[in-house]
Structure formats: structure tokens, C-alpha cells
């Protein structure tokens, strides 16, 4: 292995193809899209140089402000929900169910492999009000409450999106965090128990610090995925009612491919990219500071 790592030709042969593919497939489109931010028009009408007008429009456009607010709200709520529920489930797997957790893990993970469109149709039927009440409104009627147009109002539609995405994704984060918890050495846990650590005390002072790296990785993974949410919202609400559940990704897609303004759509994409980078760097720096203190 040392001979291979010391041979520059071997390194070029091993890493070169992967770097070329990564550059062509990932980096080149990013820089290409950044170049579009200074243009207006599209491939059919032709492109004209627009200077910084797309960025000026980006700052003053109320549609971007509304989409940015929805994206941030969605990302914070879903990230907290995904990681918290996933961590609670992983603790249940390791400390309560132990070796008997395989069946529960499989059942909780099952929604992760379901197609997004199928899940969205399922939740549309569950929360529908017309032509007939779905399961949720039928349950409300059974206890004497009136039906609610869940997907016809922005606040209730947001609630349905949150419930659906948490149900779909918590099994994935439970398995991800479970792999971090099972790596905690048993002798450390036994030593803590012999010293009198139990329940929340054991969780706070032993389990949580030792599982912090995988927990932070889950947060970064979740926040970047939720900031770029697209398919589940398109399948469930298509950004409605009105534009109440329109994230930046859907606004970018419509601007670029429905209205044919590639330059302004690329500006929205650049805003989303910067947002993801800033959030990731902030979490990385925060985690490094915490680990140093420990």
C-alpha cells in the first residue's frame, strides 16, 4: 500500500478518472449555471447580457422572499423532527428492543423505499375533503368535529407536508443513528452503570457525547436535503394553495423551464447553493468547537 501511495503515476491512474467524471458531471454544470446568472432569455429566444439585473431582481422579488421563508421554515422543522425522532427510535432499538429490533427497524424503514408519488397520493386520500372525506376528516367527524380542507389552506397544507415527510424519513435516520450507537463500547456503558449512571443521566453524559459525530453528520445530511426539497411537495401540493408551499427549488424550476428565464432561475439556484454552503459551514464550525471543549 505504501508503494502505491508513494507512486505519483499510480495515484493519477487511480484518482484521475474519478476526478474527471466528478468535474464534468458536478463542477462544470455549477460554473455553467453561475455564468447564466449574468444573462437573460433562453435557448429558443436567445441570450442577452443582463449584468447584475438578475441579482437586483432577486433581492426585491416578493416570490423569492416567500419561497425562501417557506424553505427555511420547512428545513428547520423537518430537520429537527427527522433527527429527533430518528435518535429516539435508535435509542429504542439499542437499549430497549436490543436483538429483537430487526422487525421493528424493517417496518419503520419501509416508507423510505416507497415511491414519493405513491406516498403523496396516499396522504392526499387520507386528508381529502372532496368528493368524500378521507380517513382524517372521517375521524374528526366521528368525534363531533367538522371537516377541514387540509390542502386548501397554507398552514394546514404545511402541516400535512411535515407529517408526510417525517413519516417517510424517520426510519432512515433511525438506522443511520443506530449504526453510531452500536459502536459505543459496552465496557464504557457498563462502567458508567457501575458508577450509578442511569436513564437520562447515562444518556446526557455518556451516550450523547459519544454519538455526537454521527448526530452532527445526520443534521448536516438532513438540513442539506430539506433545503433542496422538491419531489414530495410537487407530488402532494404542487406548491399550492397559491404559492403557500412553494420552496426555492420549485420556484427555480418554474422560472427556468416554465417561464423560460434561465438567467433568473440560475440566480435562484445560486442563492440556494450559497444557503446550503453557509448552513453546512456553520454546523461544521460549531461541531469542531464543541468537540474541542470536550
C-alpha atoms as a PDB file:
ATOM      1  CA  UNK A   1       0.000   0.000   0.000  1.00  0.00           C
ATOM      2  CA  UNK A   2       2.856   2.411   0.858  1.00  0.00           C
ATOM      3  CA  UNK A   3       4.455   1.687  -2.524  1.00  0.00           C
ATOM      4  CA  UNK A   4       1.183   2.529  -4.297  1.00  0.00           C
ATOM      5  CA  UNK A   5       0.603   5.740  -2.325  1.00  0.00           C
ATOM      6  CA  UNK A   6       4.205   6.807  -2.989  1.00  0.00           C
ATOM      7  CA  UNK A   7       3.884   6.348  -6.747  1.00  0.00           C
ATOM      8  CA  UNK A   8       2.504   9.531  -8.350  1.00  0.00           C
ATOM      9  CA  UNK A   9       1.625   7.709 -11.577  1.00  0.00           C
ATOM     10  CA  UNK A  10      -0.439   5.151  -9.662  1.00  0.00           C
ATOM     11  CA  UNK A  11      -2.264   7.960  -7.842  1.00  0.00           C
ATOM     12  CA  UNK A  12      -3.050   9.691 -11.147  1.00  0.00           C
ATOM     13  CA  UNK A  13      -4.291   6.423 -12.694  1.00  0.00           C
ATOM     14  CA  UNK A  14      -6.471   5.584  -9.682  1.00  0.00           C
ATOM     15  CA  UNK A  15      -7.907   9.030  -8.982  1.00  0.00           C
ATOM     16  CA  UNK A  16      -7.771  10.633 -12.438  1.00  0.00           C
ATOM     17  CA  UNK A  17     -10.896   9.026 -13.980  1.00  0.00           C
ATOM     18  CA  UNK A  18     -12.998   9.710 -10.891  1.00  0.00           C
ATOM     19  CA  UNK A  19     -11.862  13.345 -10.772  1.00  0.00           C
ATOM     20  CA  UNK A  20     -12.617  13.805 -14.472  1.00  0.00           C
ATOM     21  CA  UNK A  21     -16.128  12.348 -14.077  1.00  0.00           C
ATOM     22  CA  UNK A  22     -16.738  14.488 -10.970  1.00  0.00           C
ATOM     23  CA  UNK A  23     -15.525  17.636 -12.722  1.00  0.00           C
ATOM     24  CA  UNK A  24     -17.655  17.036 -15.827  1.00  0.00           C
ATOM     25  CA  UNK A  25     -20.777  15.858 -14.006  1.00  0.00           C
ATOM     26  CA  UNK A  26     -20.707  18.135 -10.937  1.00  0.00           C
ATOM     27  CA  UNK A  27     -18.374  21.138 -11.137  1.00  0.00           C
ATOM     28  CA  UNK A  28     -18.835  22.091 -14.794  1.00  0.00           C
ATOM     29  CA  UNK A  29     -22.669  22.435 -14.527  1.00  0.00           C
ATOM     30  CA  UNK A  30     -22.253  24.551 -11.392  1.00  0.00           C
ATOM     31  CA  UNK A  31     -19.926  27.041 -13.111  1.00  0.00           C
ATOM     32  CA  UNK A  32     -22.046  26.892 -16.287  1.00  0.00           C
ATOM     33  CA  UNK A  33     -25.161  27.756 -14.261  1.00  0.00           C
ATOM     34  CA  UNK A  34     -23.290  30.567 -12.480  1.00  0.00           C
ATOM     35  CA  UNK A  35     -22.495  32.040 -15.896  1.00  0.00           C
ATOM     36  CA  UNK A  36     -26.206  32.118 -16.770  1.00  0.00           C
ATOM     37  CA  UNK A  37     -26.864  34.484 -13.844  1.00  0.00           C
ATOM     38  CA  UNK A  38     -25.458  37.332 -15.958  1.00  0.00           C
ATOM     39  CA  UNK A  39     -27.750  36.550 -18.926  1.00  0.00           C
ATOM     40  CA  UNK A  40     -31.450  36.783 -19.713  1.00  0.00           C
ATOM     41  CA  UNK A  41     -33.530  34.742 -22.142  1.00  0.00           C
ATOM     42  CA  UNK A  42     -33.344  31.081 -23.061  1.00  0.00           C
ATOM     43  CA  UNK A  43     -32.107  28.705 -25.722  1.00  0.00           C
ATOM     44  CA  UNK A  44     -35.106  29.419 -28.028  1.00  0.00           C
ATOM     45  CA  UNK A  45     -35.296  33.227 -27.840  1.00  0.00           C
ATOM     46  CA  UNK A  46     -31.562  33.662 -27.441  1.00  0.00           C
ATOM     47  CA  UNK A  47     -29.453  35.065 -24.598  1.00  0.00           C
ATOM     48  CA  UNK A  48     -28.596  38.701 -23.901  1.00  0.00           C
ATOM     49  CA  UNK A  49     -26.159  40.095 -21.364  1.00  0.00           C
ATOM     50  CA  UNK A  50     -28.081  41.355 -18.318  1.00  0.00           C
ATOM     51  CA  UNK A  51     -25.283  42.406 -15.971  1.00  0.00           C
ATOM     52  CA  UNK A  52     -26.369  42.314 -12.335  1.00  0.00           C
ATOM     53  CA  UNK A  53     -30.095  42.830 -13.055  1.00  0.00           C
ATOM     54  CA  UNK A  54     -30.955  39.254 -12.069  1.00  0.00           C
ATOM     55  CA  UNK A  55     -29.377  39.785  -8.636  1.00  0.00           C
ATOM     56  CA  UNK A  56     -31.191  43.120  -8.209  1.00  0.00           C
ATOM     57  CA  UNK A  57     -34.484  41.381  -9.041  1.00  0.00           C
ATOM     58  CA  UNK A  58     -33.605  38.550  -6.656  1.00  0.00           C
ATOM     59  CA  UNK A  59     -33.374  40.970  -3.722  1.00  0.00           C
ATOM     60  CA  UNK A  60     -36.680  42.730  -4.408  1.00  0.00           C
ATOM     61  CA  UNK A  61     -38.812  39.835  -5.719  1.00  0.00           C
ATOM     62  CA  UNK A  62     -41.574  39.001  -3.146  1.00  0.00           C
ATOM     63  CA  UNK A  63     -41.936  35.499  -4.655  1.00  0.00           C
ATOM     64  CA  UNK A  64     -38.311  34.746  -3.743  1.00  0.00           C
ATOM     65  CA  UNK A  65     -38.835  36.085  -0.219  1.00  0.00           C
ATOM     66  CA  UNK A  66     -41.912  33.905   0.263  1.00  0.00           C
ATOM     67  CA  UNK A  67     -40.181  30.823  -1.155  1.00  0.00           C
ATOM     68  CA  UNK A  68     -37.074  31.461   0.980  1.00  0.00           C
ATOM     69  CA  UNK A  69     -39.193  31.776   4.137  1.00  0.00           C
ATOM     70  CA  UNK A  70     -41.038  28.533   3.333  1.00  0.00           C
ATOM     71  CA  UNK A  71     -37.749  26.733   2.568  1.00  0.00           C
ATOM     72  CA  UNK A  72     -36.095  27.819   5.825  1.00  0.00           C
ATOM     73  CA  UNK A  73     -39.207  27.012   7.883  1.00  0.00           C
ATOM     74  CA  UNK A  74     -39.536  23.608   6.240  1.00  0.00           C
ATOM     75  CA  UNK A  75     -35.813  22.821   6.649  1.00  0.00           C
ATOM     76  CA  UNK A  76     -35.736  23.712  10.357  1.00  0.00           C
ATOM     77  CA  UNK A  77     -38.942  21.854  11.270  1.00  0.00           C
ATOM     78  CA  UNK A  78     -38.163  18.729   9.229  1.00  0.00           C
ATOM     79  CA  UNK A  79     -34.509  18.557  10.302  1.00  0.00           C
ATOM     80  CA  UNK A  80     -35.395  18.797  13.993  1.00  0.00           C
ATOM     81  CA  UNK A  81     -38.201  16.263  13.543  1.00  0.00           C
ATOM     82  CA  UNK A  82     -36.175  13.800  11.463  1.00  0.00           C
ATOM     83  CA  UNK A  83     -33.106  13.774  13.696  1.00  0.00           C
ATOM     84  CA  UNK A  84     -35.044  13.851  16.981  1.00  0.00           C
ATOM     85  CA  UNK A  85     -37.444  11.045  16.017  1.00  0.00           C
ATOM     86  CA  UNK A  86     -34.593   9.077  14.437  1.00  0.00           C
ATOM     87  CA  UNK A  87     -32.473   9.433  17.588  1.00  0.00           C
ATOM     88  CA  UNK A  88     -35.343   8.372  19.842  1.00  0.00           C
ATOM     89  CA  UNK A  89     -36.008   5.334  17.653  1.00  0.00           C
ATOM     90  CA  UNK A  90     -32.321   4.402  17.579  1.00  0.00           C
ATOM     91  CA  UNK A  91     -32.188   4.591  21.396  1.00  0.00           C
ATOM     92  CA  UNK A  92     -35.239   2.331  21.476  1.00  0.00           C
ATOM     93  CA  UNK A  93     -33.531  -0.149  19.142  1.00  0.00           C
ATOM     94  CA  UNK A  94     -30.280  -0.290  21.137  1.00  0.00           C
ATOM     95  CA  UNK A  95     -31.366  -0.045  24.780  1.00  0.00           C
ATOM     96  CA  UNK A  96     -34.946  -1.391  24.841  1.00  0.00           C
ATOM     97  CA  UNK A  97     -35.515  -3.794  21.959  1.00  0.00           C
ATOM     98  CA  UNK A  98     -31.834  -4.824  21.538  1.00  0.00           C
ATOM     99  CA  UNK A  99     -31.566  -8.012  19.409  1.00  0.00           C
ATOM    100  CA  UNK A 100     -35.315  -8.097  18.860  1.00  0.00           C
ATOM    101  CA  UNK A 101     -35.317  -4.782  16.995  1.00  0.00           C
ATOM    102  CA  UNK A 102     -34.838  -6.217  13.483  1.00  0.00           C
ATOM    103  CA  UNK A 103     -38.561  -6.487  12.679  1.00  0.00           C
ATOM    104  CA  UNK A 104     -39.353  -3.024  14.085  1.00  0.00           C
ATOM    105  CA  UNK A 105     -36.420  -1.495  12.199  1.00  0.00           C
ATOM    106  CA  UNK A 106     -37.657  -3.067   8.960  1.00  0.00           C
ATOM    107  CA  UNK A 107     -41.230  -1.846   9.464  1.00  0.00           C
ATOM    108  CA  UNK A 108     -40.151   1.713  10.360  1.00  0.00           C
ATOM    109  CA  UNK A 109     -37.688   1.798   7.433  1.00  0.00           C
ATOM    110  CA  UNK A 110     -40.281   0.558   4.919  1.00  0.00           C
ATOM    111  CA  UNK A 111     -41.703   4.044   3.985  1.00  0.00           C
ATOM    112  CA  UNK A 112     -38.187   5.106   2.902  1.00  0.00           C
ATOM    113  CA  UNK A 113     -38.268   2.735  -0.092  1.00  0.00           C
ATOM    114  CA  UNK A 114     -41.775   3.709  -1.225  1.00  0.00           C
ATOM    115  CA  UNK A 115     -42.027   5.961  -4.328  1.00  0.00           C
ATOM    116  CA  UNK A 116     -42.593   9.608  -3.444  1.00  0.00           C
ATOM    117  CA  UNK A 117     -45.608   9.907  -5.761  1.00  0.00           C
ATOM    118  CA  UNK A 118     -47.289   6.871  -4.166  1.00  0.00           C
ATOM    119  CA  UNK A 119     -46.766   8.323  -0.675  1.00  0.00           C
ATOM    120  CA  UNK A 120     -48.125  11.714  -1.785  1.00  0.00           C
ATOM    121  CA  UNK A 121     -51.248  10.109  -3.286  1.00  0.00           C
ATOM    122  CA  UNK A 122     -51.742   8.134  -0.078  1.00  0.00           C
ATOM    123  CA  UNK A 123     -51.643  11.324   2.017  1.00  0.00           C
ATOM    124  CA  UNK A 124     -53.898  13.180  -0.434  1.00  0.00           C
ATOM    125  CA  UNK A 125     -56.514  10.462   0.061  1.00  0.00           C
ATOM    126  CA  UNK A 126     -56.046  10.448   3.834  1.00  0.00           C
ATOM    127  CA  UNK A 127     -56.531  14.229   4.150  1.00  0.00           C
ATOM    128  CA  UNK A 128     -59.014  14.871   1.327  1.00  0.00           C
ATOM    129  CA  UNK A 129     -62.339  16.631   1.877  1.00  0.00           C
ATOM    130  CA  UNK A 130     -63.943  16.246  -1.564  1.00  0.00           C
ATOM    131  CA  UNK A 131     -65.561  14.383  -3.271  1.00  0.00           C
ATOM    132  CA  UNK A 132     -65.627  12.450   0.000  1.00  0.00           C
ATOM    133  CA  UNK A 133     -63.931  12.727   3.374  1.00  0.00           C
ATOM    134  CA  UNK A 134     -60.622  10.972   3.803  1.00  0.00           C
ATOM    135  CA  UNK A 135     -59.553   8.969   6.844  1.00  0.00           C
ATOM    136  CA  UNK A 136     -58.531  12.031   8.901  1.00  0.00           C
ATOM    137  CA  UNK A 137     -61.737  14.025   8.299  1.00  0.00           C
ATOM    138  CA  UNK A 138     -63.839  10.908   8.916  1.00  0.00           C
ATOM    139  CA  UNK A 139     -62.107  10.514  12.291  1.00  0.00           C
ATOM    140  CA  UNK A 140     -62.790  14.178  13.111  1.00  0.00           C
ATOM    141  CA  UNK A 141     -66.463  13.754  12.181  1.00  0.00           C
ATOM    142  CA  UNK A 142     -66.681  10.638  14.373  1.00  0.00           C
ATOM    143  CA  UNK A 143     -65.744  12.701  17.466  1.00  0.00           C
ATOM    144  CA  UNK A 144     -68.126  15.532  16.565  1.00  0.00           C
ATOM    145  CA  UNK A 145     -65.655  17.891  14.831  1.00  0.00           C
ATOM    146  CA  UNK A 146     -66.110  19.409  11.398  1.00  0.00           C
ATOM    147  CA  UNK A 147     -64.123  18.508   8.283  1.00  0.00           C
ATOM    148  CA  UNK A 148     -61.014  20.547   7.447  1.00  0.00           C
ATOM    149  CA  UNK A 149     -59.784  21.427   3.962  1.00  0.00           C
ATOM    150  CA  UNK A 150     -56.245  20.376   4.838  1.00  0.00           C
ATOM    151  CA  UNK A 151     -54.666  21.046   1.451  1.00  0.00           C
ATOM    152  CA  UNK A 152     -56.742  24.169   0.722  1.00  0.00           C
ATOM    153  CA  UNK A 153     -55.033  26.365   3.316  1.00  0.00           C
ATOM    154  CA  UNK A 154     -51.326  27.194   3.518  1.00  0.00           C
ATOM    155  CA  UNK A 155     -50.839  26.473   7.243  1.00  0.00           C
ATOM    156  CA  UNK A 156     -52.656  23.118   7.223  1.00  0.00           C
ATOM    157  CA  UNK A 157     -51.001  22.112   3.939  1.00  0.00           C
ATOM    158  CA  UNK A 158     -47.622  22.790   5.568  1.00  0.00           C
ATOM    159  CA  UNK A 159     -48.659  20.565   8.473  1.00  0.00           C
ATOM    160  CA  UNK A 160     -49.596  17.723   6.100  1.00  0.00           C
ATOM    161  CA  UNK A 161     -46.248  18.059   4.294  1.00  0.00           C
ATOM    162  CA  UNK A 162     -44.397  17.890   7.625  1.00  0.00           C
ATOM    163  CA  UNK A 163     -46.312  14.785   8.765  1.00  0.00           C
ATOM    164  CA  UNK A 164     -45.743  13.043   5.425  1.00  0.00           C
ATOM    165  CA  UNK A 165     -42.023  13.768   5.189  1.00  0.00           C
ATOM    166  CA  UNK A 166     -41.366  12.847   8.821  1.00  0.00           C
ATOM    167  CA  UNK A 167     -43.206   9.548   8.337  1.00  0.00           C
ATOM    168  CA  UNK A 168     -41.188   8.839   5.192  1.00  0.00           C
ATOM    169  CA  UNK A 169     -37.749   9.713   6.520  1.00  0.00           C
ATOM    170  CA  UNK A 170     -37.559   8.941  10.245  1.00  0.00           C
ATOM    171  CA  UNK A 171     -36.773   5.271   9.556  1.00  0.00           C
ATOM    172  CA  UNK A 172     -33.699   6.254   7.535  1.00  0.00           C
ATOM    173  CA  UNK A 173     -32.301   8.489  10.285  1.00  0.00           C
ATOM    174  CA  UNK A 174     -33.122   5.864  12.916  1.00  0.00           C
ATOM    175  CA  UNK A 175     -30.934   3.333  11.075  1.00  0.00           C
ATOM    176  CA  UNK A 176     -28.207   5.940  10.447  1.00  0.00           C
ATOM    177  CA  UNK A 177     -28.044   6.893  14.134  1.00  0.00           C
ATOM    178  CA  UNK A 178     -28.403   3.253  15.206  1.00  0.00           C
ATOM    179  CA  UNK A 179     -25.077   2.491  13.498  1.00  0.00           C
ATOM    180  CA  UNK A 180     -23.446   5.195  15.624  1.00  0.00           C
ATOM    181  CA  UNK A 181     -24.961   3.974  18.873  1.00  0.00           C
ATOM    182  CA  UNK A 182     -23.943   0.320  18.407  1.00  0.00           C
ATOM    183  CA  UNK A 183     -20.316   1.489  18.059  1.00  0.00           C
ATOM    184  CA  UNK A 184     -20.277   2.760  21.642  1.00  0.00           C
ATOM    185  CA  UNK A 185     -18.137   0.239  23.574  1.00  0.00           C
ATOM    186  CA  UNK A 186     -20.094  -1.881  26.038  1.00  0.00           C
ATOM    187  CA  UNK A 187     -17.376  -1.580  28.680  1.00  0.00           C
ATOM    188  CA  UNK A 188     -17.843   2.208  28.812  1.00  0.00           C
ATOM    189  CA  UNK A 189     -21.593   1.808  29.325  1.00  0.00           C
ATOM    190  CA  UNK A 190     -21.051  -0.863  31.972  1.00  0.00           C
ATOM    191  CA  UNK A 191     -18.507   1.315  33.802  1.00  0.00           C
ATOM    192  CA  UNK A 192     -20.973   4.209  33.788  1.00  0.00           C
ATOM    193  CA  UNK A 193     -23.722   1.977  35.156  1.00  0.00           C
ATOM    194  CA  UNK A 194     -21.403   0.709  37.921  1.00  0.00           C
ATOM    195  CA  UNK A 195     -20.763   4.355  38.832  1.00  0.00           C
ATOM    196  CA  UNK A 196     -24.512   4.861  39.217  1.00  0.00           C
ATOM    197  CA  UNK A 197     -25.402   6.409  35.842  1.00  0.00           C
ATOM    198  CA  UNK A 198     -28.924   5.506  34.792  1.00  0.00           C
ATOM    199  CA  UNK A 199     -31.607   6.742  32.399  1.00  0.00           C
ATOM    200  CA  UNK A 200     -31.307  10.391  31.369  1.00  0.00           C
ATOM    201  CA  UNK A 201     -28.033  10.787  33.289  1.00  0.00           C
ATOM    202  CA  UNK A 202     -26.452   7.996  31.238  1.00  0.00           C
ATOM    203  CA  UNK A 203     -27.910   9.441  28.041  1.00  0.00           C
ATOM    204  CA  UNK A 204     -26.738  13.009  28.687  1.00  0.00           C
ATOM    205  CA  UNK A 205     -23.207  12.323  29.949  1.00  0.00           C
ATOM    206  CA  UNK A 206     -22.194   9.130  28.118  1.00  0.00           C
ATOM    207  CA  UNK A 207     -24.384   8.226  25.125  1.00  0.00           C
ATOM    208  CA  UNK A 208     -24.958  11.713  23.696  1.00  0.00           C
ATOM    209  CA  UNK A 209     -21.271  12.843  23.695  1.00  0.00           C
ATOM    210  CA  UNK A 210     -20.096   9.541  22.194  1.00  0.00           C
ATOM    211  CA  UNK A 211     -22.749   9.622  19.456  1.00  0.00           C
ATOM    212  CA  UNK A 212     -22.175  13.320  18.677  1.00  0.00           C
ATOM    213  CA  UNK A 213     -20.187  12.777  15.413  1.00  0.00           C
ATOM    214  CA  UNK A 214     -22.908  10.667  13.759  1.00  0.00           C
ATOM    215  CA  UNK A 215     -25.557  13.011  15.169  1.00  0.00           C
ATOM    216  CA  UNK A 216     -23.891  16.031  13.545  1.00  0.00           C
ATOM    217  CA  UNK A 217     -23.488  14.119  10.283  1.00  0.00           C
ATOM    218  CA  UNK A 218     -27.223  13.376  10.371  1.00  0.00           C
ATOM    219  CA  UNK A 219     -28.046  17.052  10.941  1.00  0.00           C
ATOM    220  CA  UNK A 220     -25.854  18.149   8.006  1.00  0.00           C
ATOM    221  CA  UNK A 221     -27.319  15.431   5.795  1.00  0.00           C
ATOM    222  CA  UNK A 222     -30.855  16.369   6.792  1.00  0.00           C
ATOM    223  CA  UNK A 223     -30.535  20.155   6.501  1.00  0.00           C
ATOM    224  CA  UNK A 224     -28.999  19.928   3.030  1.00  0.00           C
ATOM    225  CA  UNK A 225     -31.681  17.519   1.860  1.00  0.00           C
ATOM    226  CA  UNK A 226     -34.543  19.596   3.234  1.00  0.00           C
ATOM    227  CA  UNK A 227     -33.215  22.859   1.796  1.00  0.00           C
ATOM    228  CA  UNK A 228     -33.346  21.170  -1.637  1.00  0.00           C
ATOM    229  CA  UNK A 229     -36.792  19.585  -1.204  1.00  0.00           C
ATOM    230  CA  UNK A 230     -38.679  19.254  -4.484  1.00  0.00           C
ATOM    231  CA  UNK A 231     -40.365  15.955  -5.327  1.00  0.00           C
ATOM    232  CA  UNK A 232     -42.534  15.420  -2.246  1.00  0.00           C
ATOM    233  CA  UNK A 233     -44.015  18.939  -2.409  1.00  0.00           C
ATOM    234  CA  UNK A 234     -44.639  18.772  -6.162  1.00  0.00           C
ATOM    235  CA  UNK A 235     -46.384  15.423  -5.746  1.00  0.00           C
ATOM    236  CA  UNK A 236     -48.516  16.487  -2.754  1.00  0.00           C
ATOM    237  CA  UNK A 237     -49.423  20.180  -3.223  1.00  0.00           C
ATOM    238  CA  UNK A 238     -47.541  21.322  -6.344  1.00  0.00           C
ATOM    239  CA  UNK A 239     -46.579  24.416  -4.347  1.00  0.00           C
ATOM    240  CA  UNK A 240     -50.177  25.388  -3.525  1.00  0.00           C
ATOM    241  CA  UNK A 241     -52.576  26.621  -2.482  1.00  0.00           C
ATOM    242  CA  UNK A 242     -51.385  29.624  -4.464  1.00  0.00           C
ATOM    243  CA  UNK A 243     -47.673  29.757  -3.666  1.00  0.00           C
ATOM    244  CA  UNK A 244     -48.016  28.990   0.060  1.00  0.00           C
ATOM    245  CA  UNK A 245     -45.914  25.795  -0.096  1.00  0.00           C
ATOM    246  CA  UNK A 246     -43.528  26.748  -2.902  1.00  0.00           C
ATOM    247  CA  UNK A 247     -39.854  26.158  -1.974  1.00  0.00           C
ATOM    248  CA  UNK A 248     -36.887  27.776  -3.747  1.00  0.00           C
ATOM    249  CA  UNK A 249     -36.286  24.651  -5.839  1.00  0.00           C
ATOM    250  CA  UNK A 250     -39.806  24.683  -7.295  1.00  0.00           C
ATOM    251  CA  UNK A 251     -39.642  28.440  -7.927  1.00  0.00           C
ATOM    252  CA  UNK A 252     -36.307  27.944  -9.693  1.00  0.00           C
ATOM    253  CA  UNK A 253     -37.738  25.121 -11.825  1.00  0.00           C
ATOM    254  CA  UNK A 254     -40.802  27.131 -12.873  1.00  0.00           C
ATOM    255  CA  UNK A 255     -38.759  30.264 -13.584  1.00  0.00           C
ATOM    256  CA  UNK A 256     -36.279  28.374 -15.746  1.00  0.00           C
ATOM    257  CA  UNK A 257     -38.399  25.800 -17.563  1.00  0.00           C
ATOM    258  CA  UNK A 258     -41.997  27.063 -17.397  1.00  0.00           C
ATOM    259  CA  UNK A 259     -41.309  30.766 -17.974  1.00  0.00           C
ATOM    260  CA  UNK A 260     -38.059  30.227 -19.911  1.00  0.00           C
ATOM    261  CA  UNK A 261     -35.910  32.673 -17.907  1.00  0.00           C
ATOM    262  CA  UNK A 262     -32.706  30.683 -17.470  1.00  0.00           C
ATOM    263  CA  UNK A 263     -30.723  33.617 -16.074  1.00  0.00           C
ATOM    264  CA  UNK A 264     -33.097  34.439 -13.228  1.00  0.00           C
ATOM    265  CA  UNK A 265     -33.646  30.735 -12.493  1.00  0.00           C
ATOM    266  CA  UNK A 266     -29.866  30.286 -12.214  1.00  0.00           C
ATOM    267  CA  UNK A 267     -29.739  33.232  -9.801  1.00  0.00           C
ATOM    268  CA  UNK A 268     -32.270  31.470  -7.554  1.00  0.00           C
ATOM    269  CA  UNK A 269     -30.186  28.280  -7.819  1.00  0.00           C
ATOM    270  CA  UNK A 270     -27.062  30.226  -6.811  1.00  0.00           C
ATOM    271  CA  UNK A 271     -28.914  31.620  -3.781  1.00  0.00           C
ATOM    272  CA  UNK A 272     -29.870  28.077  -2.754  1.00  0.00           C
ATOM    273  CA  UNK A 273     -26.280  26.846  -3.223  1.00  0.00           C
ATOM    274  CA  UNK A 274     -24.888  29.647  -1.053  1.00  0.00           C
ATOM    275  CA  UNK A 275     -27.537  28.930   1.577  1.00  0.00           C
ATOM    276  CA  UNK A 276     -26.538  25.236   1.720  1.00  0.00           C
ATOM    277  CA  UNK A 277     -22.826  26.130   1.959  1.00  0.00           C
ATOM    278  CA  UNK A 278     -23.369  28.675   4.744  1.00  0.00           C
ATOM    279  CA  UNK A 279     -25.505  26.292   6.818  1.00  0.00           C
ATOM    280  CA  UNK A 280     -23.037  23.410   6.356  1.00  0.00           C
ATOM    281  CA  UNK A 281     -20.013  25.552   7.282  1.00  0.00           C
ATOM    282  CA  UNK A 282     -21.835  26.903  10.330  1.00  0.00           C
ATOM    283  CA  UNK A 283     -22.630  23.382  11.575  1.00  0.00           C
ATOM    284  CA  UNK A 284     -19.076  22.181  10.874  1.00  0.00           C
ATOM    285  CA  UNK A 285     -17.529  25.077  12.807  1.00  0.00           C
ATOM    286  CA  UNK A 286     -19.989  24.625  15.678  1.00  0.00           C
ATOM    287  CA  UNK A 287     -19.270  20.908  15.910  1.00  0.00           C
ATOM    288  CA  UNK A 288     -15.495  21.477  15.864  1.00  0.00           C
ATOM    289  CA  UNK A 289     -15.768  23.983  18.695  1.00  0.00           C
ATOM    290  CA  UNK A 290     -17.865  21.605  20.805  1.00  0.00           C
ATOM    291  CA  UNK A 291     -15.542  18.659  20.279  1.00  0.00           C
ATOM    292  CA  UNK A 292     -12.544  20.745  21.287  1.00  0.00           C
ATOM    293  CA  UNK A 293     -14.269  21.685  24.521  1.00  0.00           C
ATOM    294  CA  UNK A 294     -14.965  18.004  25.268  1.00  0.00           C
END
